[in-house]
Amino acid sequence: MLNAANTQGIYLNVPSTDWVLLKELIRKFGWQAETREHLLERFVKSRSQKDLLSDEEIMEEVNAVRYGK
């Protein structure tokens, strides 16, 4: 069983023709695999639906981080 404390997350670009082989190796080693779409979907589902920011608040945050304003 995988433990988050002793795993390393990576991102690979794998040719579609090799995906079947890689999935088989992942299964045999007991690893876990997610596509970029699955990661995004999991992230979106984990976000709170309350306390949404307004457009102005988003732009203030972007300016503060990007431009130090």
Protein backbone atom coordinates (compact mmCIF):
# COMPACT_ATOMS: atom_id res chain seq x y z
CA MET A 1 0.00 0.00 0.00
CA LEU A 2 1.29 3.45 -0.88
CA ASN A 3 1.93 5.90 1.92
CA ALA A 4 1.93 9.62 1.09
CA ALA A 5 4.94 10.12 3.38
CA ASN A 6 7.19 7.91 1.28
CA THR A 7 5.99 8.61 -2.26
CA GLN A 8 7.20 11.02 -4.91
CA GLY A 9 4.70 12.57 -7.31
CA ILE A 10 5.86 12.99 -10.90
CA TYR A 11 4.37 14.02 -14.20
CA LEU A 12 5.24 12.10 -17.37
CA ASN A 13 4.39 12.71 -20.99
CA VAL A 14 3.92 9.24 -22.43
CA PRO A 15 3.10 8.42 -26.04
CA SER A 16 -0.40 7.03 -26.40
CA THR A 17 1.01 3.84 -27.87
CA ASP A 18 3.01 3.18 -24.67
CA TRP A 19 0.21 4.02 -22.22
CA VAL A 20 -1.10 0.44 -22.09
CA LEU A 21 2.37 -0.89 -21.17
CA LEU A 22 2.85 1.81 -18.53
CA LYS A 23 -0.57 1.11 -17.00
CA GLU A 24 0.37 -2.57 -16.73
CA LEU A 25 3.63 -1.71 -14.94
CA ILE A 26 1.77 0.66 -12.62
CA ARG A 27 -0.68 -2.11 -11.75
CA LYS A 28 2.07 -4.70 -11.18
CA PHE A 29 4.06 -2.43 -8.88
CA GLY A 30 0.97 -1.25 -6.99
CA TRP A 31 1.56 2.37 -7.94
CA GLN A 32 -1.15 4.95 -8.59
CA ALA A 33 -1.60 6.94 -11.80
CA GLU A 34 -3.77 9.91 -12.66
CA THR A 35 -4.11 11.88 -15.86
CA ARG A 36 -3.87 15.66 -15.85
CA GLU A 37 -7.64 15.76 -16.28
CA HIS A 38 -8.16 13.53 -13.21
CA LEU A 39 -5.86 15.75 -11.13
CA LEU A 40 -7.75 18.86 -12.19
CA GLU A 41 -11.12 17.23 -11.53
CA ARG A 42 -9.99 16.13 -8.06
CA PHE A 43 -8.72 19.64 -7.30
CA VAL A 44 -11.96 21.29 -8.44
CA LYS A 45 -14.04 18.90 -6.33
CA SER A 46 -11.88 19.64 -3.28
CA ARG A 47 -12.48 23.39 -3.46
CA SER A 48 -15.01 25.03 -1.18
CA GLN A 49 -18.17 26.28 -2.84
CA LYS A 50 -18.60 29.13 -0.35
CA ASP A 51 -16.65 32.33 0.13
CA LEU A 52 -16.07 32.82 -3.59
CA LEU A 53 -13.97 35.83 -4.54
CA SER A 54 -15.21 38.69 -6.66
CA ASP A 55 -13.44 39.64 -9.89
CA GLU A 56 -11.98 42.68 -8.12
CA GLU A 57 -10.60 40.55 -5.29
CA ILE A 58 -9.04 38.14 -7.77
CA MET A 59 -7.37 41.00 -9.66
CA GLU A 60 -6.08 42.50 -6.39
CA GLU A 61 -4.53 39.15 -5.49
CA VAL A 62 -3.00 38.71 -8.95
CA ASN A 63 -1.53 42.22 -8.83
CA ALA A 64 -0.19 41.68 -5.31
CA VAL A 65 1.53 38.42 -6.23
CA ARG A 66 2.69 39.30 -9.71
CA TYR A 67 3.54 42.97 -9.30
CA GLY A 68 3.96 43.38 -5.56
CA LYS A 69 1.13 45.95 -5.43
